[in-house]
Amino acid sequence: MEPTESTADEPALLEDAPLDLPNGTETATFGAGCFWGPDARFGALEGVARTRVGYAGGADPDPTYFALGDHTEVVRVAYDPEIVSYEELLETFRASHDWHTDAPKRQYRSVVLAHDDDQYERARRERDAIAERTGRSPATDVELLEAFHAAEPFHQKYELRSRPIVGDELETLYGEAFVDSTVVARLNGFAAGHVDRSRYDALLAALDLPTPILAELRRWR
């Protein structure tokens, strides 16, 4: 699919995410309960180029959903720091789950997996500031990421896949690029309700999508 034009609010969105992301793109990884929800919430953010859910934080070299070992469900976010900052991603992370209560299982724990020392220190500072401001200690681990293991295809863009007309048609349209598409990330977020009307209408007006997909998308408003 060839998107047609840009929007004023998000100039790079309709170019979609290339196979090799542009210089300056950064990556962040978060665990915030079941990864379907955070995948959608982060995907709706302006400045996020792509999302992918997976497993991280454990020692098993080849985790799967049914043999997770000591890994945690996480979402990996590629973003443009000129549009959305790491601190804004941390705010979204906090908003996406119950960060002050220990998770019932390690699989769903609250964790920031930093990609470098700078992210690690920023996440630690943010966690400490929240504790001081609220008087409550966040049950959030901050660790350096060692490895990310992509989850099975049926977990990727789950909210969108749960809308069979749109999900199936877009997966056919994009093929192997479906999971890493910026447009698909936005629509996955919109499917979960993370959207305002003006952004949604602007996106639909600009996208060059087949009529059946657009008709179904307009029903979501």
N, C-alpha and C. Protein backbone atom coordinates (compact mmCIF):
# COMPACT_ATOMS: atom_id res chain seq x y z
N MET A 1 0.84 -1.19 0.00
CA MET A 1 0.00 0.00 0.00
C MET A 1 0.88 1.24 0.00
N GLU A 2 0.52 2.25 -0.78
CA GLU A 2 1.24 3.49 -0.81
C GLU A 2 0.37 4.59 -0.22
N PRO A 3 0.63 5.02 1.02
CA PRO A 3 -0.11 6.13 1.59
C PRO A 3 0.07 7.38 0.75
N THR A 4 -0.88 8.29 0.81
CA THR A 4 -0.92 9.36 -0.16
C THR A 4 -0.29 10.66 0.29
N GLU A 5 -0.46 11.05 1.53
CA GLU A 5 0.02 12.35 1.93
C GLU A 5 0.23 12.38 3.43
N SER A 6 0.80 13.50 3.91
CA SER A 6 1.04 13.64 5.34
C SER A 6 -0.06 14.45 5.98
N THR A 7 -0.13 14.39 7.31
CA THR A 7 -1.04 15.23 8.06
C THR A 7 -0.23 16.29 8.77
N ALA A 8 -0.90 17.39 9.12
CA ALA A 8 -0.19 18.48 9.79
C ALA A 8 0.30 18.06 11.16
N ASP A 9 -0.47 17.22 11.86
CA ASP A 9 -0.12 16.85 13.22
C ASP A 9 1.02 15.83 13.27
N GLU A 10 1.11 15.00 12.28
CA GLU A 10 2.07 13.91 12.33
C GLU A 10 2.68 13.71 10.95
N PRO A 11 3.66 14.52 10.56
CA PRO A 11 4.13 14.55 9.18
C PRO A 11 4.71 13.25 8.68
N ALA A 12 5.26 12.41 9.56
CA ALA A 12 5.92 11.20 9.07
C ALA A 12 5.00 9.98 9.06
N LEU A 13 3.80 10.10 9.61
CA LEU A 13 2.97 8.92 9.79
C LEU A 13 2.69 8.20 8.49
N LEU A 14 2.26 8.94 7.48
CA LEU A 14 1.78 8.27 6.29
C LEU A 14 2.90 7.80 5.37
N GLU A 15 4.13 8.06 5.74
CA GLU A 15 5.25 7.45 5.03
C GLU A 15 5.42 6.01 5.48
N ASP A 16 4.81 5.66 6.62
CA ASP A 16 4.90 4.35 7.23
C ASP A 16 6.33 4.06 7.68
N ALA A 17 6.50 2.99 8.42
CA ALA A 17 7.80 2.68 9.00
C ALA A 17 8.63 1.88 8.00
N PRO A 18 9.78 2.40 7.57
CA PRO A 18 10.62 1.65 6.64
C PRO A 18 11.26 0.45 7.32
N LEU A 19 11.79 -0.45 6.51
CA LEU A 19 12.43 -1.64 7.06
C LEU A 19 13.56 -1.25 8.01
N ASP A 20 14.38 -0.30 7.58
CA ASP A 20 15.43 0.25 8.44
C ASP A 20 14.97 1.62 8.91
N LEU A 21 14.75 1.77 10.20
CA LEU A 21 14.25 3.04 10.73
C LEU A 21 15.27 4.15 10.55
N PRO A 22 14.83 5.39 10.39
CA PRO A 22 15.75 6.51 10.17
C PRO A 22 16.70 6.73 11.33
N ASN A 23 17.85 7.35 11.04
CA ASN A 23 18.77 7.75 12.09
C ASN A 23 18.04 8.67 13.07
N GLY A 24 18.32 8.48 14.34
CA GLY A 24 17.67 9.28 15.37
C GLY A 24 16.50 8.58 16.03
N THR A 25 16.00 7.52 15.41
CA THR A 25 14.94 6.74 16.04
C THR A 25 15.50 5.99 17.24
N GLU A 26 14.79 6.02 18.35
CA GLU A 26 15.23 5.32 19.56
C GLU A 26 14.23 4.23 19.92
N THR A 27 14.64 3.35 20.82
CA THR A 27 13.81 2.20 21.19
C THR A 27 13.68 2.13 22.70
N ALA A 28 12.49 1.81 23.17
CA ALA A 28 12.23 1.64 24.60
C ALA A 28 11.42 0.35 24.78
N THR A 29 11.56 -0.27 25.95
CA THR A 29 10.85 -1.52 26.21
C THR A 29 10.24 -1.48 27.61
N PHE A 30 8.97 -1.90 27.70
CA PHE A 30 8.24 -1.83 28.96
C PHE A 30 7.42 -3.10 29.17
N GLY A 31 7.32 -3.52 30.44
CA GLY A 31 6.40 -4.56 30.84
C GLY A 31 5.33 -3.95 31.72
N ALA A 32 4.07 -4.14 31.34
CA ALA A 32 2.97 -3.49 32.07
C ALA A 32 1.74 -4.38 32.05
N GLY A 33 1.87 -5.58 32.56
CA GLY A 33 0.77 -6.52 32.53
C GLY A 33 0.68 -7.22 31.18
N CYS A 34 -0.50 -7.71 30.84
CA CYS A 34 -0.70 -8.35 29.53
C CYS A 34 -0.30 -7.39 28.43
N PHE A 35 0.53 -7.83 27.49
CA PHE A 35 1.12 -6.89 26.52
C PHE A 35 0.16 -6.40 25.45
N TRP A 36 -1.04 -6.96 25.34
CA TRP A 36 -1.97 -6.48 24.33
C TRP A 36 -2.36 -5.02 24.57
N GLY A 37 -2.63 -4.66 25.83
CA GLY A 37 -3.05 -3.31 26.15
C GLY A 37 -1.97 -2.27 25.91
N PRO A 38 -0.76 -2.44 26.47
CA PRO A 38 0.30 -1.48 26.22
C PRO A 38 0.67 -1.36 24.74
N ASP A 39 0.60 -2.45 24.00
CA ASP A 39 0.88 -2.40 22.56
C ASP A 39 -0.04 -1.40 21.89
N ALA A 40 -1.32 -1.45 22.22
CA ALA A 40 -2.29 -0.53 21.63
C ALA A 40 -2.09 0.90 22.13
N ARG A 41 -1.86 1.05 23.42
CA ARG A 41 -1.73 2.40 23.98
C ARG A 41 -0.51 3.12 23.41
N PHE A 42 0.63 2.45 23.36
CA PHE A 42 1.82 3.08 22.80
C PHE A 42 1.67 3.30 21.30
N GLY A 43 1.04 2.36 20.61
CA GLY A 43 0.88 2.49 19.17
C GLY A 43 0.07 3.70 18.75
N ALA A 44 -0.80 4.19 19.63
CA ALA A 44 -1.63 5.35 19.31
C ALA A 44 -0.89 6.67 19.45
N LEU A 45 0.30 6.67 20.06
CA LEU A 45 1.02 7.91 20.33
C LEU A 45 1.66 8.48 19.07
N GLU A 46 1.51 9.77 18.87
CA GLU A 46 2.24 10.45 17.81
C GLU A 46 3.73 10.35 18.11
N GLY A 47 4.51 10.07 17.09
CA GLY A 47 5.95 9.93 17.26
C GLY A 47 6.41 8.50 17.40
N VAL A 48 5.49 7.58 17.67
CA VAL A 48 5.85 6.16 17.74
C VAL A 48 5.80 5.59 16.33
N ALA A 49 6.91 5.01 15.88
CA ALA A 49 7.00 4.49 14.52
C ALA A 49 6.52 3.06 14.41
N ARG A 50 6.77 2.25 15.44
CA ARG A 50 6.33 0.86 15.40
C ARG A 50 6.34 0.28 16.81
N THR A 51 5.57 -0.77 16.98
CA THR A 51 5.57 -1.51 18.24
C THR A 51 5.65 -3.00 17.92
N ARG A 52 6.14 -3.74 18.89
CA ARG A 52 6.16 -5.20 18.76
C ARG A 52 6.14 -5.78 20.16
N VAL A 53 5.31 -6.78 20.40
CA VAL A 53 5.26 -7.39 21.72
C VAL A 53 6.15 -8.63 21.76
N GLY A 54 6.62 -8.94 22.98
CA GLY A 54 7.52 -10.08 23.11
C GLY A 54 7.78 -10.41 24.57
N TYR A 55 8.88 -11.10 24.78
CA TYR A 55 9.25 -11.60 26.11
C TYR A 55 10.68 -11.15 26.41
N ALA A 56 10.90 -10.74 27.65
CA ALA A 56 12.23 -10.25 28.04
C ALA A 56 12.37 -10.31 29.55
N GLY A 57 13.60 -10.10 30.01
CA GLY A 57 13.86 -10.02 31.44
C GLY A 57 14.15 -11.33 32.12
N GLY A 58 14.21 -12.42 31.36
CA GLY A 58 14.48 -13.73 31.94
C GLY A 58 15.71 -14.37 31.34
N ALA A 59 15.97 -15.60 31.76
CA ALA A 59 17.19 -16.30 31.34
C ALA A 59 16.96 -17.32 30.23
N ASP A 60 15.72 -17.75 30.03
CA ASP A 60 15.45 -18.77 29.01
C ASP A 60 15.83 -18.24 27.63
N PRO A 61 16.64 -18.97 26.86
CA PRO A 61 17.10 -18.46 25.56
C PRO A 61 16.05 -18.49 24.46
N ASP A 62 14.95 -19.22 24.67
CA ASP A 62 13.96 -19.36 23.60
C ASP A 62 12.55 -19.45 24.19
N PRO A 63 12.07 -18.37 24.81
CA PRO A 63 10.76 -18.43 25.45
C PRO A 63 9.63 -18.41 24.43
N THR A 64 8.52 -19.01 24.79
CA THR A 64 7.28 -18.93 24.02
C THR A 64 6.15 -18.61 25.00
N TYR A 65 4.99 -18.30 24.47
CA TYR A 65 3.88 -17.96 25.34
C TYR A 65 3.52 -19.10 26.28
N PHE A 66 3.64 -20.32 25.80
CA PHE A 66 3.27 -21.48 26.60
C PHE A 66 4.45 -22.07 27.37
N ALA A 67 5.62 -21.51 27.18
CA ALA A 67 6.81 -21.92 27.94
C ALA A 67 7.64 -20.66 28.19
N LEU A 68 7.09 -19.80 29.04
CA LEU A 68 7.64 -18.46 29.23
C LEU A 68 8.87 -18.45 30.14
N GLY A 69 9.01 -19.46 30.99
CA GLY A 69 10.11 -19.45 31.94
C GLY A 69 9.98 -18.27 32.89
N ASP A 70 11.08 -17.55 33.10
CA ASP A 70 11.06 -16.41 34.01
C ASP A 70 10.99 -15.07 33.26
N HIS A 71 10.55 -15.10 32.02
CA HIS A 71 10.42 -13.87 31.24
C HIS A 71 9.13 -13.12 31.59
N THR A 72 9.06 -11.88 31.12
CA THR A 72 7.91 -11.01 31.31
C THR A 72 7.36 -10.60 29.95
N GLU A 73 6.05 -10.45 29.85
CA GLU A 73 5.45 -9.91 28.64
C GLU A 73 5.80 -8.42 28.54
N VAL A 74 6.33 -8.01 27.38
CA VAL A 74 6.77 -6.62 27.21
C VAL A 74 6.34 -6.11 25.83
N VAL A 75 6.40 -4.79 25.69
CA VAL A 75 6.21 -4.16 24.38
C VAL A 75 7.45 -3.35 24.07
N ARG A 76 7.95 -3.51 22.86
CA ARG A 76 9.10 -2.74 22.38
C ARG A 76 8.59 -1.63 21.48
N VAL A 77 9.05 -0.41 21.74
CA VAL A 77 8.53 0.78 21.08
C VAL A 77 9.67 1.51 20.36
N ALA A 78 9.54 1.68 19.05
CA ALA A 78 10.49 2.50 18.29
C ALA A 78 9.85 3.88 18.12
N TYR A 79 10.58 4.93 18.48
CA TYR A 79 9.97 6.26 18.52
C TYR A 79 10.95 7.34 18.08
N ASP A 80 10.38 8.48 17.68
CA ASP A 80 11.16 9.65 17.29
C ASP A 80 11.21 10.58 18.49
N PRO A 81 12.38 10.75 19.13
CA PRO A 81 12.46 11.58 20.34
C PRO A 81 12.23 13.06 20.07
N GLU A 82 12.23 13.46 18.79
CA GLU A 82 11.90 14.84 18.46
C GLU A 82 10.40 15.09 18.57
N ILE A 83 9.60 14.02 18.57
CA ILE A 83 8.15 14.15 18.63
C ILE A 83 7.61 13.71 19.99
N VAL A 84 8.12 12.60 20.50
CA VAL A 84 7.68 12.10 21.80
C VAL A 84 8.92 11.74 22.62
N SER A 85 9.01 12.25 23.83
CA SER A 85 10.21 12.05 24.64
C SER A 85 10.14 10.74 25.42
N TYR A 86 11.28 10.31 25.92
CA TYR A 86 11.31 9.10 26.75
C TYR A 86 10.47 9.31 28.01
N GLU A 87 10.52 10.53 28.56
CA GLU A 87 9.71 10.81 29.75
C GLU A 87 8.21 10.70 29.45
N GLU A 88 7.81 11.11 28.26
CA GLU A 88 6.40 10.97 27.88
C GLU A 88 6.02 9.49 27.73
N LEU A 89 6.96 8.69 27.23
CA LEU A 89 6.70 7.26 27.16
C LEU A 89 6.56 6.67 28.56
N LEU A 90 7.39 7.15 29.49
CA LEU A 90 7.27 6.68 30.87
C LEU A 90 5.91 7.05 31.47
N GLU A 91 5.40 8.24 31.13
CA GLU A 91 4.07 8.63 31.60
C GLU A 91 3.00 7.70 31.04
N THR A 92 3.13 7.36 29.77
CA THR A 92 2.17 6.44 29.15
C THR A 92 2.27 5.07 29.80
N PHE A 93 3.49 4.65 30.08
CA PHE A 93 3.71 3.38 30.78
C PHE A 93 2.98 3.36 32.11
N ARG A 94 3.11 4.44 32.88
CA ARG A 94 2.43 4.50 34.18
C ARG A 94 0.92 4.45 34.02
N ALA A 95 0.43 5.14 32.99
CA ALA A 95 -1.02 5.22 32.79
C ALA A 95 -1.63 3.92 32.30
N SER A 96 -0.78 3.01 31.83
CA SER A 96 -1.30 1.81 31.17
C SER A 96 -1.51 0.63 32.11
N HIS A 97 -1.13 0.79 33.40
CA HIS A 97 -1.27 -0.36 34.30
C HIS A 97 -1.22 0.08 35.76
N ASP A 98 -1.48 -0.84 36.65
CA ASP A 98 -1.44 -0.60 38.09
C ASP A 98 0.01 -0.77 38.55
N TRP A 99 0.75 0.33 38.55
CA TRP A 99 2.19 0.28 38.77
C TRP A 99 2.59 0.20 40.24
N HIS A 100 1.64 0.40 41.15
CA HIS A 100 2.01 0.42 42.57
C HIS A 100 1.65 -0.87 43.30
N THR A 101 1.17 -1.87 42.56
CA THR A 101 0.82 -3.15 43.17
C THR A 101 1.62 -4.27 42.52
N ASP A 102 2.17 -5.15 43.32
CA ASP A 102 2.92 -6.28 42.78
C ASP A 102 2.02 -7.15 41.91
N ALA A 103 2.52 -7.54 40.75
CA ALA A 103 1.75 -8.40 39.85
C ALA A 103 1.64 -9.80 40.43
N PRO A 104 0.56 -10.52 40.12
CA PRO A 104 0.41 -11.88 40.66
C PRO A 104 1.44 -12.86 40.12
N LYS A 105 1.97 -12.57 38.94
CA LYS A 105 2.97 -13.44 38.33
C LYS A 105 4.06 -12.60 37.68
N ARG A 106 5.27 -13.13 37.62
CA ARG A 106 6.38 -12.43 36.98
C ARG A 106 6.06 -12.12 35.52
N GLN A 107 5.27 -12.94 34.92
CA GLN A 107 4.86 -12.75 33.53
C GLN A 107 4.27 -11.36 33.30
N TYR A 108 3.58 -10.84 34.33
CA TYR A 108 2.86 -9.57 34.18
C TYR A 108 3.45 -8.45 35.03
N ARG A 109 4.68 -8.58 35.46
CA ARG A 109 5.25 -7.58 36.37
C ARG A 109 5.42 -6.23 35.68
N SER A 110 5.53 -5.21 36.50
CA SER A 110 5.80 -3.86 36.03
C SER A 110 7.30 -3.67 35.94
N VAL A 111 7.80 -3.39 34.73
CA VAL A 111 9.25 -3.28 34.55
C VAL A 111 9.58 -2.34 33.40
N VAL A 112 10.60 -1.53 33.61
CA VAL A 112 11.21 -0.74 32.55
C VAL A 112 12.52 -1.42 32.20
N LEU A 113 12.66 -1.84 30.96
CA LEU A 113 13.89 -2.49 30.50
C LEU A 113 14.66 -1.49 29.64
N ALA A 114 15.66 -0.88 30.26
CA ALA A 114 16.40 0.19 29.62
C ALA A 114 17.35 -0.36 28.55
N HIS A 115 17.46 0.39 27.46
CA HIS A 115 18.33 -0.01 26.36
C HIS A 115 19.75 0.51 26.53
N ASP A 116 19.96 1.43 27.46
CA ASP A 116 21.30 1.95 27.72
C ASP A 116 21.31 2.57 29.11
N ASP A 117 22.49 3.02 29.52
CA ASP A 117 22.62 3.59 30.87
C ASP A 117 21.80 4.86 31.03
N ASP A 118 21.68 5.65 29.96
CA ASP A 118 20.91 6.88 30.05
C ASP A 118 19.44 6.59 30.34
N GLN A 119 18.84 5.67 29.60
CA GLN A 119 17.45 5.30 29.89
C GLN A 119 17.32 4.74 31.30
N TYR A 120 18.28 3.96 31.71
CA TYR A 120 18.24 3.36 33.04
C TYR A 120 18.17 4.44 34.12
N GLU A 121 19.05 5.44 34.01
CA GLU A 121 19.08 6.50 35.02
C GLU A 121 17.81 7.34 34.97
N ARG A 122 17.31 7.62 33.78
CA ARG A 122 16.09 8.43 33.66
C ARG A 122 14.89 7.69 34.25
N ALA A 123 14.82 6.40 34.01
CA ALA A 123 13.71 5.61 34.56
C ALA A 123 13.80 5.52 36.08
N ARG A 124 15.02 5.37 36.60
CA ARG A 124 15.20 5.32 38.06
C ARG A 124 14.80 6.65 38.69
N ARG A 125 15.23 7.76 38.07
CA ARG A 125 14.88 9.07 38.61
C ARG A 125 13.37 9.29 38.60
N GLU A 126 12.73 8.87 37.50
CA GLU A 126 11.28 9.04 37.40
C GLU A 126 10.57 8.21 38.46
N ARG A 127 11.04 6.99 38.69
CA ARG A 127 10.43 6.13 39.70
C ARG A 127 10.61 6.73 41.10
N ASP A 128 11.80 7.25 41.39
CA ASP A 128 12.05 7.85 42.70
C ASP A 128 11.21 9.11 42.90
N ALA A 129 11.05 9.89 41.83
CA ALA A 129 10.25 11.12 41.93
C ALA A 129 8.79 10.79 42.22
N ILE A 130 8.28 9.74 41.61
CA ILE A 130 6.90 9.33 41.86
C ILE A 130 6.73 8.90 43.32
N ALA A 131 7.69 8.14 43.82
CA ALA A 131 7.63 7.68 45.21
C ALA A 131 7.62 8.87 46.17
N GLU A 132 8.45 9.87 45.89
CA GLU A 132 8.52 11.04 46.76
C GLU A 132 7.24 11.86 46.67
N ARG A 133 6.70 11.98 45.46
CA ARG A 133 5.51 12.81 45.25
C ARG A 133 4.25 12.17 45.82
N THR A 134 4.14 10.86 45.71
CA THR A 134 2.90 10.18 46.11
C THR A 134 2.98 9.52 47.48
N GLY A 135 4.20 9.34 47.98
CA GLY A 135 4.36 8.62 49.23
C GLY A 135 4.14 7.13 49.09
N ARG A 136 4.13 6.65 47.86
CA ARG A 136 3.94 5.22 47.59
C ARG A 136 5.10 4.73 46.74
N SER A 137 5.61 3.57 47.07
CA SER A 137 6.74 3.01 46.33
C SER A 137 6.22 2.23 45.13
N PRO A 138 6.57 2.65 43.91
CA PRO A 138 6.12 1.91 42.73
C PRO A 138 6.67 0.48 42.73
N ALA A 139 5.83 -0.46 42.39
CA ALA A 139 6.26 -1.86 42.28
C ALA A 139 6.81 -2.10 40.88
N THR A 140 7.69 -1.21 40.47
CA THR A 140 8.25 -1.24 39.11
C THR A 140 9.73 -1.53 39.18
N ASP A 141 10.16 -2.58 38.52
CA ASP A 141 11.58 -2.86 38.40
C ASP A 141 12.17 -2.04 37.26
N VAL A 142 13.40 -1.61 37.44
CA VAL A 142 14.14 -0.94 36.37
C VAL A 142 15.41 -1.74 36.13
N GLU A 143 15.55 -2.27 34.93
CA GLU A 143 16.67 -3.15 34.60
C GLU A 143 17.21 -2.81 33.22
N LEU A 144 18.42 -3.23 32.97
CA LEU A 144 18.97 -3.12 31.62
C LEU A 144 18.48 -4.31 30.79
N LEU A 145 18.05 -4.03 29.58
CA LEU A 145 17.56 -5.08 28.68
C LEU A 145 18.73 -5.92 28.18
N GLU A 146 18.60 -7.22 28.30
CA GLU A 146 19.62 -8.12 27.77
C GLU A 146 19.22 -8.70 26.42
N ALA A 147 17.98 -9.09 26.28
CA ALA A 147 17.51 -9.65 25.01
C ALA A 147 16.00 -9.51 24.92
N PHE A 148 15.52 -9.32 23.70
CA PHE A 148 14.09 -9.25 23.42
C PHE A 148 13.73 -10.40 22.50
N HIS A 149 12.70 -11.14 22.86
CA HIS A 149 12.24 -12.28 22.06
C HIS A 149 10.83 -11.97 21.56
N ALA A 150 10.67 -11.81 20.27
CA ALA A 150 9.36 -11.46 19.71
C ALA A 150 8.33 -12.54 20.03
N ALA A 151 7.14 -12.10 20.37
CA ALA A 151 6.04 -13.03 20.64
C ALA A 151 5.46 -13.58 19.34
N GLU A 152 4.65 -14.58 19.48
CA GLU A 152 4.03 -15.23 18.33
C GLU A 152 3.15 -14.25 17.55
N PRO A 153 2.99 -14.49 16.24
CA PRO A 153 2.22 -13.56 15.40
C PRO A 153 0.82 -13.26 15.93
N PHE A 154 0.14 -14.23 16.52
CA PHE A 154 -1.24 -13.98 16.95
C PHE A 154 -1.33 -12.99 18.10
N HIS A 155 -0.21 -12.69 18.75
CA HIS A 155 -0.21 -11.68 19.81
C HIS A 155 0.05 -10.27 19.27
N GLN A 156 0.63 -10.16 18.09
CA GLN A 156 1.00 -8.85 17.54
C GLN A 156 -0.24 -8.11 17.05
N LYS A 157 -0.40 -6.86 17.51
CA LYS A 157 -1.54 -6.02 17.12
C LYS A 157 -2.86 -6.74 17.42
N TYR A 158 -2.94 -7.25 18.63
CA TYR A 158 -4.08 -8.10 19.01
C TYR A 158 -5.42 -7.37 18.91
N GLU A 159 -5.45 -6.11 19.34
CA GLU A 159 -6.72 -5.38 19.32
C GLU A 159 -7.24 -5.26 17.89
N LEU A 160 -6.35 -5.00 16.95
CA LEU A 160 -6.75 -4.87 15.55
C LEU A 160 -7.14 -6.23 14.97
N ARG A 161 -6.39 -7.25 15.31
CA ARG A 161 -6.73 -8.60 14.82
C ARG A 161 -8.09 -9.05 15.36
N SER A 162 -8.51 -8.48 16.48
CA SER A 162 -9.80 -8.86 17.04
C SER A 162 -10.96 -8.23 16.28
N ARG A 163 -10.65 -7.31 15.37
CA ARG A 163 -11.66 -6.73 14.47
C ARG A 163 -11.49 -7.42 13.12
N PRO A 164 -12.15 -8.54 12.88
CA PRO A 164 -11.79 -9.41 11.76
C PRO A 164 -11.81 -8.77 10.39
N ILE A 165 -12.76 -7.90 10.09
CA ILE A 165 -12.80 -7.30 8.76
C ILE A 165 -11.55 -6.46 8.52
N VAL A 166 -11.29 -5.53 9.42
CA VAL A 166 -10.14 -4.64 9.25
C VAL A 166 -8.83 -5.38 9.46
N GLY A 167 -8.73 -6.15 10.53
CA GLY A 167 -7.49 -6.85 10.81
C GLY A 167 -7.09 -7.79 9.69
N ASP A 168 -8.02 -8.60 9.23
CA ASP A 168 -7.70 -9.55 8.17
C ASP A 168 -7.33 -8.85 6.87
N GLU A 169 -8.09 -7.82 6.52
CA GLU A 169 -7.82 -7.11 5.26
C GLU A 169 -6.46 -6.40 5.31
N LEU A 170 -6.15 -5.77 6.44
CA LEU A 170 -4.87 -5.07 6.54
C LEU A 170 -3.71 -6.05 6.54
N GLU A 171 -3.88 -7.19 7.18
CA GLU A 171 -2.80 -8.18 7.18
C GLU A 171 -2.55 -8.70 5.77
N THR A 172 -3.60 -8.88 5.01
CA THR A 172 -3.44 -9.29 3.61
C THR A 172 -2.77 -8.19 2.80
N LEU A 173 -3.17 -6.95 3.06
CA LEU A 173 -2.64 -5.80 2.32
C LEU A 173 -1.16 -5.58 2.59
N TYR A 174 -0.78 -5.66 3.86
CA TYR A 174 0.60 -5.36 4.25
C TYR A 174 1.52 -6.58 4.18
N GLY A 175 0.98 -7.76 4.32
CA GLY A 175 1.81 -8.95 4.31
C GLY A 175 2.78 -8.96 5.48
N GLU A 176 4.06 -9.22 5.20
CA GLU A 176 5.06 -9.31 6.26
C GLU A 176 5.30 -7.98 6.96
N ALA A 177 4.91 -6.87 6.33
CA ALA A 177 5.12 -5.55 6.93
C ALA A 177 4.03 -5.18 7.93
N PHE A 178 3.03 -6.04 8.12
CA PHE A 178 1.88 -5.72 8.97
C PHE A 178 2.31 -5.32 10.38
N VAL A 179 3.13 -6.12 11.01
CA VAL A 179 3.46 -5.89 12.42
C VAL A 179 4.24 -4.60 12.62
N ASP A 180 5.12 -4.25 11.67
CA ASP A 180 5.97 -3.09 11.84
C ASP A 180 5.42 -1.82 11.19
N SER A 181 4.22 -1.88 10.64
CA SER A 181 3.62 -0.71 10.00
C SER A 181 3.22 0.34 11.03
N THR A 182 3.56 1.60 10.77
CA THR A 182 3.14 2.68 11.65
C THR A 182 1.63 2.87 11.59
N VAL A 183 1.07 2.79 10.40
CA VAL A 183 -0.38 2.94 10.25
C VAL A 183 -1.10 1.84 11.02
N VAL A 184 -0.62 0.62 10.93
CA VAL A 184 -1.24 -0.49 11.66
C VAL A 184 -1.12 -0.26 13.17
N ALA A 185 0.02 0.26 13.63
CA ALA A 185 0.17 0.57 15.05
C ALA A 185 -0.88 1.58 15.51
N ARG A 186 -1.10 2.64 14.67
CA ARG A 186 -2.11 3.63 15.04
C ARG A 186 -3.50 3.01 15.09
N LEU A 187 -3.83 2.25 14.06
CA LEU A 187 -5.17 1.66 14.00
C LEU A 187 -5.38 0.65 15.12
N ASN A 188 -4.31 -0.04 15.52
CA ASN A 188 -4.42 -0.94 16.67
C ASN A 188 -4.75 -0.16 17.94
N GLY A 189 -4.11 1.00 18.09
CA GLY A 189 -4.43 1.86 19.23
C GLY A 189 -5.84 2.40 19.15
N PHE A 190 -6.24 2.81 17.96
CA PHE A 190 -7.59 3.35 17.79
C PHE A 190 -8.64 2.28 18.07
N ALA A 191 -8.35 1.03 17.66
CA ALA A 191 -9.29 -0.07 17.90
C ALA A 191 -9.54 -0.27 19.39
N ALA A 192 -8.53 0.05 20.21
CA ALA A 192 -8.65 -0.09 21.66
C ALA A 192 -9.24 1.15 22.32
N GLY A 193 -9.56 2.17 21.52
CA GLY A 193 -10.19 3.37 22.06
C GLY A 193 -9.25 4.50 22.39
N HIS A 194 -7.96 4.38 22.03
CA HIS A 194 -6.99 5.43 22.35
C HIS A 194 -6.91 6.42 21.19
N VAL A 195 -7.91 7.30 21.09
CA VAL A 195 -7.97 8.20 19.94
C VAL A 195 -8.90 9.36 20.24
N ASP A 196 -8.60 10.51 19.64
CA ASP A 196 -9.57 11.59 19.65
C ASP A 196 -10.13 11.72 18.24
N ARG A 197 -11.32 12.27 18.15
CA ARG A 197 -12.06 12.27 16.89
C ARG A 197 -11.31 13.00 15.78
N SER A 198 -10.68 14.13 16.07
CA SER A 198 -10.02 14.91 15.02
C SER A 198 -8.84 14.15 14.42
N ARG A 199 -8.05 13.50 15.25
CA ARG A 199 -6.91 12.72 14.73
C ARG A 199 -7.40 11.55 13.90
N TYR A 200 -8.44 10.91 14.36
CA TYR A 200 -8.96 9.74 13.65
C TYR A 200 -9.49 10.13 12.28
N ASP A 201 -10.28 11.21 12.23
CA ASP A 201 -10.83 11.65 10.95
C ASP A 201 -9.73 12.08 9.99
N ALA A 202 -8.70 12.76 10.51
CA ALA A 202 -7.60 13.21 9.66
C ALA A 202 -6.85 12.03 9.07
N LEU A 203 -6.64 11.00 9.88
CA LEU A 203 -5.93 9.82 9.40
C LEU A 203 -6.74 9.11 8.31
N LEU A 204 -8.02 8.91 8.55
CA LEU A 204 -8.83 8.20 7.56
C LEU A 204 -8.92 8.98 6.26
N ALA A 205 -8.97 10.31 6.35
CA ALA A 205 -9.06 11.12 5.15
C ALA A 205 -7.81 11.04 4.31
N ALA A 206 -6.67 10.80 4.95
CA ALA A 206 -5.40 10.81 4.23
C ALA A 206 -4.97 9.44 3.73
N LEU A 207 -5.46 8.37 4.35
CA LEU A 207 -5.01 7.03 3.98
C LEU A 207 -5.64 6.55 2.68
N ASP A 208 -4.81 5.90 1.89
CA ASP A 208 -5.28 5.29 0.64
C ASP A 208 -5.57 3.82 0.91
N LEU A 209 -6.71 3.55 1.54
CA LEU A 209 -7.08 2.19 1.89
C LEU A 209 -8.28 1.74 1.06
N PRO A 210 -8.42 0.45 0.84
CA PRO A 210 -9.58 -0.06 0.10
C PRO A 210 -10.89 0.35 0.78
N THR A 211 -11.91 0.53 -0.02
CA THR A 211 -13.21 1.00 0.47
C THR A 211 -13.79 0.16 1.60
N PRO A 212 -13.74 -1.18 1.54
CA PRO A 212 -14.31 -1.97 2.65
C PRO A 212 -13.63 -1.70 3.98
N ILE A 213 -12.30 -1.49 3.95
CA ILE A 213 -11.58 -1.20 5.19
C ILE A 213 -11.99 0.16 5.73
N LEU A 214 -12.01 1.18 4.86
CA LEU A 214 -12.39 2.52 5.30
C LEU A 214 -13.81 2.54 5.85
N ALA A 215 -14.71 1.83 5.20
CA ALA A 215 -16.10 1.81 5.67
C ALA A 215 -16.19 1.23 7.08
N GLU A 216 -15.45 0.17 7.32
CA GLU A 216 -15.48 -0.43 8.66
C GLU A 216 -14.80 0.48 9.68
N LEU A 217 -13.70 1.12 9.30
CA LEU A 217 -13.01 2.02 10.21
C LEU A 217 -13.91 3.19 10.61
N ARG A 218 -14.69 3.69 9.69
CA ARG A 218 -15.58 4.81 10.01
C ARG A 218 -16.67 4.40 10.99
N ARG A 219 -16.97 3.13 11.05
CA ARG A 219 -17.98 2.64 12.01
C ARG A 219 -17.46 2.71 13.44
N TRP A 220 -16.12 2.79 13.61
CA TRP A 220 -15.55 2.79 14.96
C TRP A 220 -15.73 4.12 15.67
N ARG A 221 -16.00 5.20 14.95
CA ARG A 221 -15.98 6.53 15.53
C ARG A 221 -17.05 6.70 16.59
